[in-house]
Amino acid sequence: MGLIKTIGRKPGVQRILGVAAAGYLRLVRRTNRFTVEPEGAYGRLDATGPFIAAMWHGQHIMISFMRRPQDRVATIISRSPDGNINTLALTRLGVRVMRASGARGRAVRDARAKGGAEGLRAMVKALKGGETVAFSADVPKVSRICDAGIIMLARFSGCPIVPVAVVTSRHIRFNSWDRACLGLPFGRGAMVFGEPTHVPRDITPEEVDALRQRVQAELNRVHDRAYTLVGRPDRVGAFPATRTDPQGGLA
């Protein structure tokens, strides 16, 4: 482990970085002129009740922007040391963080037999308790390919999946597997909410895959629309992995 990474994992350093990250994100939110689509989106979501806010993983840095002061929003972050800074920042921004391994892959497919993955149980409990849950939909370490885990979350919770995109005209794109994007101050922003997807309790594997593809297509659509609104092209496509990460949620 490199010296910088070792220093970055010290609790005191992570606290400072978490506070700084939260302050910076507040600055970005306040200094960008945001457009929200569709018109009346929040009113419709209020009528819907708790929902699963689906996002692509690279959006996790700015997803807290969708939260209004009165909204109860939770998310899941893996217990890895790298997730500590995100946890500190999101908590200061009013998002409740659950630390658990994610609801992905085989753990989700076998949820009925095994009683459910830890992360899946935590998110279902949050949704049933009236919180909206922000959840990254990607297959682990494969950007912008939707995993079946989010379909299972909707199935067990009874809550709809609503794709969300949050973008800014001025931003930095990182060379990470998820092509994460960090907004910059003093520009234009867009928040676009997609059409909800409802998942029935009784569902076949073929229907799971069809719904997975539907959520994936809607996530891509709202991202294309958001970037159109800020006058910037979205050049990110699938970014295949070289290894598999069993942990889901936000890193």
C-alpha atoms as a PDB file:
ATOM      1  CA  MET A   1       0.000   0.000   0.000  1.00  0.00           C
ATOM      2  CA  GLY A   2       1.404   3.396  -0.987  1.00  0.00           C
ATOM      3  CA  LEU A   3       2.244   6.090   1.544  1.00  0.00           C
ATOM      4  CA  ILE A   4      -0.508   8.452   0.330  1.00  0.00           C
ATOM      5  CA  LYS A   5      -3.121   5.705   0.533  1.00  0.00           C
ATOM      6  CA  THR A   6      -1.925   4.738   4.015  1.00  0.00           C
ATOM      7  CA  ILE A   7      -2.198   8.337   5.230  1.00  0.00           C
ATOM      8  CA  GLY A   8      -5.596   8.689   3.554  1.00  0.00           C
ATOM      9  CA  ARG A   9      -6.967   5.806   5.592  1.00  0.00           C
ATOM     10  CA  LYS A  10      -6.123   7.327   8.967  1.00  0.00           C
ATOM     11  CA  PRO A  11      -9.375   8.237  10.786  1.00  0.00           C
ATOM     12  CA  GLY A  12      -8.362  11.844  11.456  1.00  0.00           C
ATOM     13  CA  VAL A  13      -7.424  12.429   7.823  1.00  0.00           C
ATOM     14  CA  GLN A  14     -10.646  10.813   6.619  1.00  0.00           C
ATOM     15  CA  ARG A  15     -12.724  13.055   8.895  1.00  0.00           C
ATOM     16  CA  ILE A  16     -11.060  16.145   7.444  1.00  0.00           C
ATOM     17  CA  LEU A  17     -11.560  14.889   3.885  1.00  0.00           C
ATOM     18  CA  GLY A  18     -15.201  14.006   4.590  1.00  0.00           C
ATOM     19  CA  VAL A  19     -15.972  17.489   5.944  1.00  0.00           C
ATOM     20  CA  ALA A  20     -14.145  19.104   3.015  1.00  0.00           C
ATOM     21  CA  ALA A  21     -16.011  16.937   0.489  1.00  0.00           C
ATOM     22  CA  ALA A  22     -19.381  17.853   1.995  1.00  0.00           C
ATOM     23  CA  GLY A  23     -18.505  21.557   1.946  1.00  0.00           C
ATOM     24  CA  TYR A  24     -17.369  21.362  -1.656  1.00  0.00           C
ATOM     25  CA  LEU A  25     -20.538  19.561  -2.772  1.00  0.00           C
ATOM     26  CA  ARG A  26     -22.675  22.221  -1.071  1.00  0.00           C
ATOM     27  CA  LEU A  27     -20.767  24.850  -3.051  1.00  0.00           C
ATOM     28  CA  VAL A  28     -21.383  22.996  -6.322  1.00  0.00           C
ATOM     29  CA  ARG A  29     -25.084  22.619  -5.555  1.00  0.00           C
ATOM     30  CA  ARG A  30     -25.528  26.299  -4.682  1.00  0.00           C
ATOM     31  CA  THR A  31     -23.560  27.762  -7.593  1.00  0.00           C
ATOM     32  CA  ASN A  32     -25.065  25.732 -10.446  1.00  0.00           C
ATOM     33  CA  ARG A  33     -28.431  26.724 -11.935  1.00  0.00           C
ATOM     34  CA  PHE A  34     -30.317  23.431 -11.895  1.00  0.00           C
ATOM     35  CA  THR A  35     -33.150  22.404 -14.184  1.00  0.00           C
ATOM     36  CA  VAL A  36     -35.405  19.574 -12.979  1.00  0.00           C
ATOM     37  CA  GLU A  37     -37.283  17.335 -15.406  1.00  0.00           C
ATOM     38  CA  PRO A  38     -39.993  16.326 -15.886  1.00  0.00           C
ATOM     39  CA  GLU A  39     -42.020  19.289 -14.695  1.00  0.00           C
ATOM     40  CA  GLY A  40     -43.654  18.482 -11.382  1.00  0.00           C
ATOM     41  CA  ALA A  41     -41.307  15.535 -10.798  1.00  0.00           C
ATOM     42  CA  TYR A  42     -41.097  16.004  -7.035  1.00  0.00           C
ATOM     43  CA  GLY A  43     -44.869  16.240  -6.668  1.00  0.00           C
ATOM     44  CA  ARG A  44     -45.275  12.929  -8.478  1.00  0.00           C
ATOM     45  CA  LEU A  45     -42.564  11.304  -6.396  1.00  0.00           C
ATOM     46  CA  ASP A  46     -44.183  12.568  -3.192  1.00  0.00           C
ATOM     47  CA  ALA A  47     -47.382  10.845  -4.277  1.00  0.00           C
ATOM     48  CA  THR A  48     -45.460   7.655  -5.105  1.00  0.00           C
ATOM     49  CA  GLY A  49     -43.979   7.300  -1.629  1.00  0.00           C
ATOM     50  CA  PRO A  50     -40.592   5.705  -0.923  1.00  0.00           C
ATOM     51  CA  PHE A  51     -38.781   4.666  -4.088  1.00  0.00           C
ATOM     52  CA  ILE A  52     -35.478   3.243  -5.242  1.00  0.00           C
ATOM     53  CA  ALA A  53     -33.442   6.034  -6.824  1.00  0.00           C
ATOM     54  CA  ALA A  54     -31.432   4.138  -9.426  1.00  0.00           C
ATOM     55  CA  MET A  55     -28.196   5.735 -10.575  1.00  0.00           C
ATOM     56  CA  TRP A  56     -25.090   4.753 -12.438  1.00  0.00           C
ATOM     57  CA  HIS A  57     -22.179   4.310 -10.047  1.00  0.00           C
ATOM     58  CA  GLY A  58     -20.223   7.236 -11.453  1.00  0.00           C
ATOM     59  CA  GLN A  59     -23.053   9.514 -10.284  1.00  0.00           C
ATOM     60  CA  HIS A  60     -22.686   8.637  -6.604  1.00  0.00           C
ATOM     61  CA  ILE A  61     -20.607  11.737  -5.864  1.00  0.00           C
ATOM     62  CA  MET A  62     -23.495  14.086  -6.703  1.00  0.00           C
ATOM     63  CA  ILE A  63     -26.613  12.006  -6.093  1.00  0.00           C
ATOM     64  CA  SER A  64     -27.266  13.839  -2.800  1.00  0.00           C
ATOM     65  CA  PHE A  65     -28.267  16.890  -4.879  1.00  0.00           C
ATOM     66  CA  MET A  66     -31.665  15.300  -5.557  1.00  0.00           C
ATOM     67  CA  ARG A  67     -32.506  15.398  -1.831  1.00  0.00           C
ATOM     68  CA  ARG A  68     -34.692  18.265  -0.595  1.00  0.00           C
ATOM     69  CA  PRO A  69     -34.456  19.268   3.101  1.00  0.00           C
ATOM     70  CA  GLN A  70     -37.644  17.377   3.948  1.00  0.00           C
ATOM     71  CA  ASP A  71     -36.684  14.174   2.117  1.00  0.00           C
ATOM     72  CA  ARG A  72     -35.544  11.066   3.952  1.00  0.00           C
ATOM     73  CA  VAL A  73     -32.883   9.415   1.810  1.00  0.00           C
ATOM     74  CA  ALA A  74     -30.627   6.487   2.653  1.00  0.00           C
ATOM     75  CA  THR A  75     -27.932   4.653   0.769  1.00  0.00           C
ATOM     76  CA  ILE A  76     -25.607   1.740   1.281  1.00  0.00           C
ATOM     77  CA  ILE A  77     -21.831   1.976   1.305  1.00  0.00           C
ATOM     78  CA  SER A  78     -19.481  -0.957   1.610  1.00  0.00           C
ATOM     79  CA  ARG A  79     -17.464  -1.358   4.788  1.00  0.00           C
ATOM     80  CA  SER A  80     -14.187  -0.944   2.925  1.00  0.00           C
ATOM     81  CA  PRO A  81     -11.881   1.826   4.223  1.00  0.00           C
ATOM     82  CA  ASP A  82     -12.313   3.677   0.933  1.00  0.00           C
ATOM     83  CA  GLY A  83     -16.011   4.117   1.724  1.00  0.00           C
ATOM     84  CA  ASN A  84     -15.386   6.044   4.940  1.00  0.00           C
ATOM     85  CA  ILE A  85     -14.918   9.441   3.303  1.00  0.00           C
ATOM     86  CA  ASN A  86     -18.107   9.055   1.240  1.00  0.00           C
ATOM     87  CA  THR A  87     -19.940   8.049   4.405  1.00  0.00           C
ATOM     88  CA  LEU A  88     -18.773  11.123   6.300  1.00  0.00           C
ATOM     89  CA  ALA A  89     -19.617  13.468   3.431  1.00  0.00           C
ATOM     90  CA  LEU A  90     -23.065  12.030   2.713  1.00  0.00           C
ATOM     91  CA  THR A  91     -24.003  12.005   6.386  1.00  0.00           C
ATOM     92  CA  ARG A  92     -23.207  15.722   6.616  1.00  0.00           C
ATOM     93  CA  LEU A  93     -25.381  16.260   3.530  1.00  0.00           C
ATOM     94  CA  GLY A  94     -28.381  14.633   5.219  1.00  0.00           C
ATOM     95  CA  VAL A  95     -28.208  11.173   3.667  1.00  0.00           C
ATOM     96  CA  ARG A  96     -28.406   8.241   6.071  1.00  0.00           C
ATOM     97  CA  VAL A  97     -25.684   5.725   5.324  1.00  0.00           C
ATOM     98  CA  MET A  98     -25.920   1.999   5.917  1.00  0.00           C
ATOM     99  CA  ARG A  99     -22.585   0.194   6.025  1.00  0.00           C
ATOM    100  CA  ALA A 100     -22.922  -3.325   4.692  1.00  0.00           C
ATOM    101  CA  SER A 101     -21.806  -5.565   1.901  1.00  0.00           C
ATOM    102  CA  GLY A 102     -23.944  -5.059  -1.141  1.00  0.00           C
ATOM    103  CA  ALA A 103     -26.969  -6.820  -2.577  1.00  0.00           C
ATOM    104  CA  ARG A 104     -25.472  -8.099  -5.769  1.00  0.00           C
ATOM    105  CA  GLY A 105     -24.904 -11.111  -7.931  1.00  0.00           C
ATOM    106  CA  ARG A 106     -25.258 -14.562  -6.427  1.00  0.00           C
ATOM    107  CA  ALA A 107     -26.090 -13.183  -2.969  1.00  0.00           C
ATOM    108  CA  VAL A 108     -29.241 -11.606  -4.415  1.00  0.00           C
ATOM    109  CA  ARG A 109     -30.195 -14.491  -6.675  1.00  0.00           C
ATOM    110  CA  ASP A 110     -30.010 -16.836  -3.681  1.00  0.00           C
ATOM    111  CA  ALA A 111     -31.700 -14.373  -1.314  1.00  0.00           C
ATOM    112  CA  ARG A 112     -34.816 -16.518  -0.781  1.00  0.00           C
ATOM    113  CA  ALA A 113     -32.787 -19.581   0.203  1.00  0.00           C
ATOM    114  CA  LYS A 114     -30.290 -17.758   2.382  1.00  0.00           C
ATOM    115  CA  GLY A 115     -32.609 -15.227   3.985  1.00  0.00           C
ATOM    116  CA  GLY A 116     -31.281 -12.356   1.930  1.00  0.00           C
ATOM    117  CA  ALA A 117     -27.952 -10.580   1.655  1.00  0.00           C
ATOM    118  CA  GLU A 118     -27.111  -8.203   4.483  1.00  0.00           C
ATOM    119  CA  GLY A 119     -27.276  -5.159   2.256  1.00  0.00           C
ATOM    120  CA  LEU A 120     -30.553  -6.227   0.696  1.00  0.00           C
ATOM    121  CA  ARG A 121     -32.171  -6.647   4.094  1.00  0.00           C
ATOM    122  CA  ALA A 122     -30.966  -3.216   5.222  1.00  0.00           C
ATOM    123  CA  MET A 123     -32.334  -1.493   2.124  1.00  0.00           C
ATOM    124  CA  VAL A 124     -35.680  -3.271   2.241  1.00  0.00           C
ATOM    125  CA  LYS A 125     -36.031  -2.225   5.883  1.00  0.00           C
ATOM    126  CA  ALA A 126     -35.227   1.389   4.977  1.00  0.00           C
ATOM    127  CA  LEU A 127     -37.814   1.445   2.176  1.00  0.00           C
ATOM    128  CA  LYS A 128     -40.498  -0.112   4.338  1.00  0.00           C
ATOM    129  CA  GLY A 129     -39.655   2.509   6.976  1.00  0.00           C
ATOM    130  CA  GLY A 130     -40.475   5.311   4.533  1.00  0.00           C
ATOM    131  CA  GLU A 131     -36.988   6.222   3.273  1.00  0.00           C
ATOM    132  CA  THR A 132     -36.031   6.566  -0.368  1.00  0.00           C
ATOM    133  CA  VAL A 133     -32.966   4.459  -1.125  1.00  0.00           C
ATOM    134  CA  ALA A 134     -30.294   5.614  -3.584  1.00  0.00           C
ATOM    135  CA  PHE A 135     -28.717   2.563  -5.191  1.00  0.00           C
ATOM    136  CA  SER A 136     -26.097   2.167  -7.908  1.00  0.00           C
ATOM    137  CA  ALA A 137     -27.459  -0.168 -10.563  1.00  0.00           C
ATOM    138  CA  ASP A 138     -24.241  -1.224 -12.314  1.00  0.00           C
ATOM    139  CA  VAL A 139     -22.880  -4.733 -12.426  1.00  0.00           C
ATOM    140  CA  PRO A 140     -19.880  -4.622 -10.032  1.00  0.00           C
ATOM    141  CA  LYS A 141     -16.882  -3.095 -11.810  1.00  0.00           C
ATOM    142  CA  VAL A 142     -18.739  -2.876 -15.136  1.00  0.00           C
ATOM    143  CA  SER A 143     -19.974   0.630 -15.797  1.00  0.00           C
ATOM    144  CA  ARG A 144     -23.486   1.197 -17.136  1.00  0.00           C
ATOM    145  CA  ILE A 145     -24.586  -2.406 -17.375  1.00  0.00           C
ATOM    146  CA  CYS A 146     -27.538  -2.886 -15.040  1.00  0.00           C
ATOM    147  CA  ASP A 147     -27.303  -5.679 -12.475  1.00  0.00           C
ATOM    148  CA  ALA A 148     -30.286  -7.799 -11.413  1.00  0.00           C
ATOM    149  CA  GLY A 149     -29.755  -6.744  -7.789  1.00  0.00           C
ATOM    150  CA  ILE A 150     -31.851  -3.608  -8.158  1.00  0.00           C
ATOM    151  CA  ILE A 151     -34.725  -5.667  -9.588  1.00  0.00           C
ATOM    152  CA  MET A 152     -34.610  -7.949  -6.561  1.00  0.00           C
ATOM    153  CA  LEU A 153     -34.619  -4.943  -4.233  1.00  0.00           C
ATOM    154  CA  ALA A 154     -37.786  -3.663  -5.903  1.00  0.00           C
ATOM    155  CA  ARG A 155     -39.313  -7.120  -5.781  1.00  0.00           C
ATOM    156  CA  PHE A 156     -38.775  -7.654  -2.053  1.00  0.00           C
ATOM    157  CA  SER A 157     -39.596  -4.082  -0.998  1.00  0.00           C
ATOM    158  CA  GLY A 158     -42.607  -3.487  -3.241  1.00  0.00           C
ATOM    159  CA  CYS A 159     -41.216  -0.027  -4.102  1.00  0.00           C
ATOM    160  CA  PRO A 160     -40.717   1.251  -7.666  1.00  0.00           C
ATOM    161  CA  ILE A 161     -37.369   1.917  -9.310  1.00  0.00           C
ATOM    162  CA  VAL A 162     -36.971   5.522 -10.523  1.00  0.00           C
ATOM    163  CA  PRO A 163     -33.834   6.217 -12.605  1.00  0.00           C
ATOM    164  CA  VAL A 164     -32.115   9.506 -11.732  1.00  0.00           C
ATOM    165  CA  ALA A 165     -29.370  11.512 -13.429  1.00  0.00           C
ATOM    166  CA  VAL A 166     -27.605  14.500 -11.851  1.00  0.00           C
ATOM    167  CA  VAL A 167     -25.077  16.311 -14.044  1.00  0.00           C
ATOM    168  CA  THR A 168     -23.354  19.682 -14.353  1.00  0.00           C
ATOM    169  CA  SER A 169     -22.042  21.459 -17.426  1.00  0.00           C
ATOM    170  CA  ARG A 170     -18.627  21.940 -15.815  1.00  0.00           C
ATOM    171  CA  HIS A 171     -17.143  18.770 -14.370  1.00  0.00           C
ATOM    172  CA  ILE A 172     -14.144  16.508 -13.990  1.00  0.00           C
ATOM    173  CA  ARG A 173     -14.336  12.950 -15.359  1.00  0.00           C
ATOM    174  CA  PHE A 174     -12.135  10.461 -13.501  1.00  0.00           C
ATOM    175  CA  ASN A 175     -10.354   7.575 -15.198  1.00  0.00           C
ATOM    176  CA  SER A 176     -11.937   5.025 -12.852  1.00  0.00           C
ATOM    177  CA  TRP A 177     -13.913   1.912 -13.755  1.00  0.00           C
ATOM    178  CA  ASP A 178     -17.198   3.792 -13.264  1.00  0.00           C
ATOM    179  CA  ARG A 179     -15.970   6.955 -15.027  1.00  0.00           C
ATOM    180  CA  ALA A 180     -17.050   8.940 -11.971  1.00  0.00           C
ATOM    181  CA  CYS A 181     -17.960  12.571 -12.554  1.00  0.00           C
ATOM    182  CA  LEU A 182     -17.413  15.437 -10.115  1.00  0.00           C
ATOM    183  CA  GLY A 183     -19.243  18.683 -10.765  1.00  0.00           C
ATOM    184  CA  LEU A 184     -17.510  22.049 -10.690  1.00  0.00           C
ATOM    185  CA  PRO A 185     -19.020  25.314  -9.400  1.00  0.00           C
ATOM    186  CA  PHE A 186     -20.561  28.132 -11.420  1.00  0.00           C
ATOM    187  CA  GLY A 187     -22.258  26.359 -14.280  1.00  0.00           C
ATOM    188  CA  ARG A 188     -25.539  24.771 -15.251  1.00  0.00           C
ATOM    189  CA  GLY A 189     -26.983  21.609 -13.782  1.00  0.00           C
ATOM    190  CA  ALA A 190     -29.743  19.160 -14.573  1.00  0.00           C
ATOM    191  CA  MET A 191     -31.638  16.579 -12.540  1.00  0.00           C
ATOM    192  CA  VAL A 192     -33.740  14.222 -14.619  1.00  0.00           C
ATOM    193  CA  PHE A 193     -36.060  11.590 -13.159  1.00  0.00           C
ATOM    194  CA  GLY A 194     -37.121   8.645 -15.299  1.00  0.00           C
ATOM    195  CA  GLU A 195     -40.255   6.580 -15.572  1.00  0.00           C
ATOM    196  CA  PRO A 196     -40.835   4.266 -12.601  1.00  0.00           C
ATOM    197  CA  THR A 197     -40.502   0.511 -12.977  1.00  0.00           C
ATOM    198  CA  HIS A 198     -42.678  -1.667 -10.732  1.00  0.00           C
ATOM    199  CA  VAL A 199     -41.558  -5.240 -10.070  1.00  0.00           C
ATOM    200  CA  PRO A 200     -44.149  -7.863  -9.076  1.00  0.00           C
ATOM    201  CA  ARG A 201     -43.436 -10.277  -6.257  1.00  0.00           C
ATOM    202  CA  ASP A 202     -43.873 -13.326  -8.497  1.00  0.00           C
ATOM    203  CA  ILE A 203     -41.533 -13.027 -11.430  1.00  0.00           C
ATOM    204  CA  THR A 204     -39.709 -15.398 -13.767  1.00  0.00           C
ATOM    205  CA  PRO A 205     -35.977 -15.182 -14.598  1.00  0.00           C
ATOM    206  CA  GLU A 206     -36.915 -14.039 -18.101  1.00  0.00           C
ATOM    207  CA  GLU A 207     -39.017 -11.221 -16.672  1.00  0.00           C
ATOM    208  CA  VAL A 208     -36.183 -10.218 -14.338  1.00  0.00           C
ATOM    209  CA  ASP A 209     -33.867  -9.822 -17.327  1.00  0.00           C
ATOM    210  CA  ALA A 210     -36.462  -7.870 -19.293  1.00  0.00           C
ATOM    211  CA  LEU A 211     -36.980  -5.467 -16.394  1.00  0.00           C
ATOM    212  CA  ARG A 212     -33.223  -5.170 -15.892  1.00  0.00           C
ATOM    213  CA  GLN A 213     -32.847  -4.114 -19.522  1.00  0.00           C
ATOM    214  CA  ARG A 214     -35.733  -1.672 -19.156  1.00  0.00           C
ATOM    215  CA  VAL A 215     -34.097   0.031 -16.153  1.00  0.00           C
ATOM    216  CA  GLN A 216     -30.766   0.132 -18.011  1.00  0.00           C
ATOM    217  CA  ALA A 217     -32.354   1.781 -21.049  1.00  0.00           C
ATOM    218  CA  GLU A 218     -34.175   4.335 -18.888  1.00  0.00           C
ATOM    219  CA  LEU A 219     -30.994   5.166 -16.957  1.00  0.00           C
ATOM    220  CA  ASN A 220     -29.187   5.803 -20.230  1.00  0.00           C
ATOM    221  CA  ARG A 221     -32.093   7.920 -21.474  1.00  0.00           C
ATOM    222  CA  VAL A 222     -32.200  10.198 -18.426  1.00  0.00           C
ATOM    223  CA  HIS A 223     -28.424  10.654 -18.576  1.00  0.00           C
ATOM    224  CA  ASP A 224     -28.577  11.570 -22.265  1.00  0.00           C
ATOM    225  CA  ARG A 225     -31.360  14.045 -21.515  1.00  0.00           C
ATOM    226  CA  ALA A 226     -29.536  15.573 -18.552  1.00  0.00           C
ATOM    227  CA  TYR A 227     -26.395  16.169 -20.579  1.00  0.00           C
ATOM    228  CA  THR A 228     -28.476  17.642 -23.402  1.00  0.00           C
ATOM    229  CA  LEU A 229     -29.991  20.107 -20.930  1.00  0.00           C
ATOM    230  CA  VAL A 230     -26.560  21.349 -19.842  1.00  0.00           C
ATOM    231  CA  GLY A 231     -25.212  21.409 -23.393  1.00  0.00           C
ATOM    232  CA  ARG A 232     -22.603  18.703 -22.964  1.00  0.00           C
ATOM    233  CA  PRO A 233     -22.392  15.268 -24.599  1.00  0.00           C
ATOM    234  CA  ASP A 234     -22.251  12.187 -22.399  1.00  0.00           C
ATOM    235  CA  ARG A 235     -19.396  10.163 -23.844  1.00  0.00           C
ATOM    236  CA  VAL A 236     -19.354   7.376 -21.287  1.00  0.00           C
ATOM    237  CA  GLY A 237     -20.293   3.868 -22.352  1.00  0.00           C
ATOM    238  CA  ALA A 238     -19.794   0.466 -20.770  1.00  0.00           C
ATOM    239  CA  PHE A 239     -16.362   0.181 -19.165  1.00  0.00           C
ATOM    240  CA  PRO A 240     -15.589  -3.527 -18.659  1.00  0.00           C
ATOM    241  CA  ALA A 241     -13.898  -4.822 -15.560  1.00  0.00           C
ATOM    242  CA  THR A 242     -10.666  -6.698 -15.141  1.00  0.00           C
ATOM    243  CA  ARG A 243     -11.847  -8.206 -11.862  1.00  0.00           C
ATOM    244  CA  THR A 244     -15.057  -8.755  -9.947  1.00  0.00           C
ATOM    245  CA  ASP A 245     -15.938  -6.896  -6.781  1.00  0.00           C
ATOM    246  CA  PRO A 246     -18.491  -8.746  -4.641  1.00  0.00           C
ATOM    247  CA  GLN A 247     -19.525  -5.614  -2.775  1.00  0.00           C
ATOM    248  CA  GLY A 248     -22.345  -3.452  -4.024  1.00  0.00           C
ATOM    249  CA  GLY A 249     -23.818  -0.085  -3.188  1.00  0.00           C
ATOM    250  CA  LEU A 250     -21.545   2.932  -3.184  1.00  0.00           C
ATOM    251  CA  ALA A 251     -17.781   2.574  -2.887  1.00  0.00           C
END
